[in-house]
Amino acid sequence: MMDTNIDRGVDLSVLDRILAARERVTTADLSPLLQEILAGYGYLPPKVLLELGRRTGIPASQIYGVATFYEQFHLEPHGRHKIRCCRGTACHVKGGHNMHQTISRELALADGQTTPDMRFTFETVACLGTCFLAPVVMVDNDYYGNMTPAQVREVLDGYK
């Protein structure tokens, strides 16, 4: 695994604290451990994951398998606000592509990118499970339904 510039300055004290709170660690503890690491760092730094493997004996391939399988985990820093734009059928039929274009234009981001100031991360998702509100945009844990491009701009302004 390659050491990235993102990782070089990572402080391992958060990992120290997480591991010190457990008597022993098994592979059954992997998802909860990764959730704690995510909460502590805001993402899963590869350097920390490699160190987790070294200290626990859990193979790095297994750690990365879990970290990359679940959508809740990410290996790169994300912005303070996560914007999700639904691309499901109901949202698509009701103009969801216009919401996607508006978000991309307003924030100068493509899907999966984070603003340079680390304020926003933009993602499209297969479904937000709120088809009756289509088209839907979600910011952090807040749902915004029946959106128009003008409303998307207003919502984004509220988070700036």
Protein backbone atom coordinates (compact mmCIF):
# COMPACT_ATOMS: atom_id res chain seq x y z
CA MET A 1 0.00 0.00 0.00
CA MET A 2 1.34 3.38 -0.98
CA ASP A 3 1.85 6.13 1.63
CA THR A 4 0.05 9.25 0.41
CA ASN A 5 0.67 12.89 1.23
CA ILE A 6 -2.68 12.88 3.03
CA ASP A 7 -1.33 10.32 5.50
CA ARG A 8 2.10 11.64 6.32
CA GLY A 9 1.08 13.88 9.22
CA VAL A 10 -1.52 11.54 10.71
CA ASP A 11 -1.34 11.41 14.50
CA LEU A 12 -1.66 7.84 15.77
CA SER A 13 -2.85 8.92 19.23
CA VAL A 14 -6.49 8.47 18.19
CA LEU A 15 -5.75 4.87 17.21
CA ASP A 16 -3.83 4.42 20.48
CA ARG A 17 -6.89 5.55 22.46
CA ILE A 18 -9.26 3.32 20.48
CA LEU A 19 -7.11 0.22 20.92
CA ALA A 20 -6.36 0.95 24.59
CA ALA A 21 -10.10 0.81 25.34
CA ARG A 22 -10.21 -2.87 24.25
CA GLU A 23 -8.66 -5.87 25.92
CA ARG A 24 -8.21 -7.69 22.65
CA VAL A 25 -9.25 -7.20 19.06
CA THR A 26 -10.59 -9.86 16.71
CA THR A 27 -11.86 -9.71 13.15
CA ALA A 28 -15.39 -9.56 14.60
CA ASP A 29 -14.45 -6.13 16.00
CA LEU A 30 -13.39 -4.76 12.62
CA SER A 31 -16.52 -2.81 11.61
CA PRO A 32 -16.95 -1.14 15.02
CA LEU A 33 -13.22 -0.33 15.07
CA LEU A 34 -13.41 1.26 11.63
CA GLN A 35 -16.44 3.28 12.75
CA GLU A 36 -14.47 4.57 15.75
CA ILE A 37 -11.48 5.40 13.54
CA LEU A 38 -13.79 7.22 11.12
CA ALA A 39 -15.31 9.20 14.00
CA GLY A 40 -11.85 10.05 15.34
CA TYR A 41 -10.17 11.08 12.10
CA GLY A 42 -13.10 12.00 9.85
CA TYR A 43 -11.92 9.37 7.35
CA LEU A 44 -9.90 6.13 7.38
CA PRO A 45 -6.29 7.18 6.84
CA PRO A 46 -4.40 4.37 5.07
CA LYS A 47 -1.47 4.83 7.47
CA VAL A 48 -3.81 4.19 10.42
CA LEU A 49 -5.33 1.13 8.75
CA LEU A 50 -1.89 -0.35 8.14
CA GLU A 51 -0.95 0.34 11.75
CA LEU A 52 -4.22 -1.24 12.91
CA GLY A 53 -3.27 -4.38 11.02
CA ARG A 54 0.23 -4.41 12.45
CA ARG A 55 -0.98 -4.00 16.03
CA THR A 56 -3.90 -6.43 15.88
CA GLY A 57 -2.61 -9.06 13.48
CA ILE A 58 -5.64 -8.58 11.22
CA PRO A 59 -4.40 -8.77 7.63
CA ALA A 60 -4.38 -5.43 5.80
CA SER A 61 -6.29 -7.08 2.95
CA GLN A 62 -9.14 -7.91 5.31
CA ILE A 63 -9.17 -4.40 6.80
CA TYR A 64 -9.22 -2.82 3.34
CA GLY A 65 -11.86 -5.30 2.20
CA VAL A 66 -14.24 -4.06 4.89
CA ALA A 67 -13.20 -0.40 4.53
CA THR A 68 -13.89 -0.39 0.79
CA PHE A 69 -17.01 -2.57 0.82
CA TYR A 70 -19.24 -0.39 2.97
CA GLU A 71 -20.27 3.00 1.65
CA GLN A 72 -20.09 4.59 5.11
CA PHE A 73 -16.30 4.31 5.08
CA HIS A 74 -13.99 6.49 3.01
CA LEU A 75 -10.21 6.51 2.66
CA GLU A 76 -9.87 10.21 1.86
CA PRO A 77 -10.90 13.27 3.85
CA HIS A 78 -14.43 14.46 3.19
CA GLY A 79 -15.87 17.92 3.56
CA ARG A 80 -17.67 19.15 6.65
CA HIS A 81 -20.99 18.81 4.78
CA LYS A 82 -21.84 15.78 2.66
CA ILE A 83 -24.25 16.52 -0.18
CA ARG A 84 -25.98 13.54 -1.73
CA CYS A 85 -28.01 13.80 -4.89
CA CYS A 86 -30.36 10.92 -5.68
CA ARG A 87 -30.07 9.38 -9.13
CA GLY A 88 -32.85 6.82 -8.62
CA THR A 89 -35.65 6.32 -11.12
CA ALA A 90 -38.24 8.54 -9.42
CA CYS A 91 -35.74 11.39 -9.01
CA HIS A 92 -34.47 10.96 -12.56
CA VAL A 93 -38.00 11.10 -14.01
CA LYS A 94 -38.77 14.23 -11.99
CA GLY A 95 -35.64 16.13 -13.08
CA GLY A 96 -32.99 14.94 -10.65
CA HIS A 97 -30.32 15.44 -13.31
CA ASN A 98 -31.00 19.20 -13.04
CA MET A 99 -30.22 19.05 -9.30
CA HIS A 100 -26.97 17.24 -10.06
CA GLN A 101 -25.98 19.84 -12.65
CA THR A 102 -26.86 22.71 -10.31
CA ILE A 103 -24.81 21.30 -7.43
CA SER A 104 -21.88 20.60 -9.74
CA ARG A 105 -22.01 24.12 -11.18
CA GLU A 106 -22.56 25.92 -7.84
CA LEU A 107 -19.73 24.11 -6.05
CA ALA A 108 -17.49 23.46 -9.08
CA LEU A 109 -17.43 19.75 -8.16
CA ALA A 110 -17.88 16.49 -9.96
CA ASP A 111 -19.41 13.46 -8.26
CA GLY A 112 -17.09 12.18 -5.53
CA GLN A 113 -15.11 15.40 -5.14
CA THR A 114 -14.55 17.68 -2.15
CA THR A 115 -14.18 21.45 -2.27
CA PRO A 116 -10.63 22.73 -1.66
CA ASP A 117 -11.78 24.42 1.57
CA MET A 118 -13.08 21.03 2.85
CA ARG A 119 -16.58 22.48 3.28
CA PHE A 120 -18.50 20.17 0.90
CA THR A 121 -18.23 16.67 -0.50
CA PHE A 122 -20.61 15.84 -3.34
CA GLU A 123 -21.88 12.34 -4.07
CA THR A 124 -24.63 10.87 -6.18
CA VAL A 125 -26.36 7.84 -4.72
CA ALA A 126 -28.52 5.14 -6.24
CA CYS A 127 -31.46 5.90 -3.94
CA LEU A 128 -32.17 7.89 -0.80
CA GLY A 129 -35.36 5.93 -0.09
CA THR A 130 -37.64 8.95 -0.27
CA CYS A 131 -39.09 8.56 -3.75
CA PHE A 132 -42.30 10.33 -2.75
CA LEU A 133 -40.21 13.51 -2.35
CA ALA A 134 -38.50 13.27 -5.74
CA PRO A 135 -36.26 14.88 -6.73
CA VAL A 136 -34.36 14.66 -3.45
CA VAL A 137 -31.10 16.15 -2.23
CA MET A 138 -29.65 15.33 1.17
CA VAL A 139 -27.17 17.50 3.07
CA ASP A 140 -25.64 15.73 6.06
CA ASN A 141 -28.75 14.17 7.67
CA ASP A 142 -31.28 16.63 6.27
CA TYR A 143 -33.56 15.67 3.36
CA TYR A 144 -34.79 18.27 0.86
CA GLY A 145 -37.59 17.11 -1.41
CA ASN A 146 -39.46 18.29 -4.48
CA MET A 147 -36.39 20.32 -5.33
CA THR A 148 -35.87 22.79 -8.12
CA PRO A 149 -32.49 24.21 -9.18
CA ALA A 150 -33.33 27.52 -7.46
CA GLN A 151 -34.14 25.69 -4.22
CA VAL A 152 -30.88 23.74 -4.45
CA ARG A 153 -28.97 27.04 -4.65
CA GLU A 154 -30.84 28.32 -1.57
CA VAL A 155 -30.07 25.15 0.40
CA LEU A 156 -26.39 25.30 -0.51
CA ASP A 157 -26.24 28.98 0.46
CA GLY A 158 -27.58 28.01 3.88
CA TYR A 159 -24.59 25.71 4.46
CA LYS A 160 -21.96 28.17 3.24
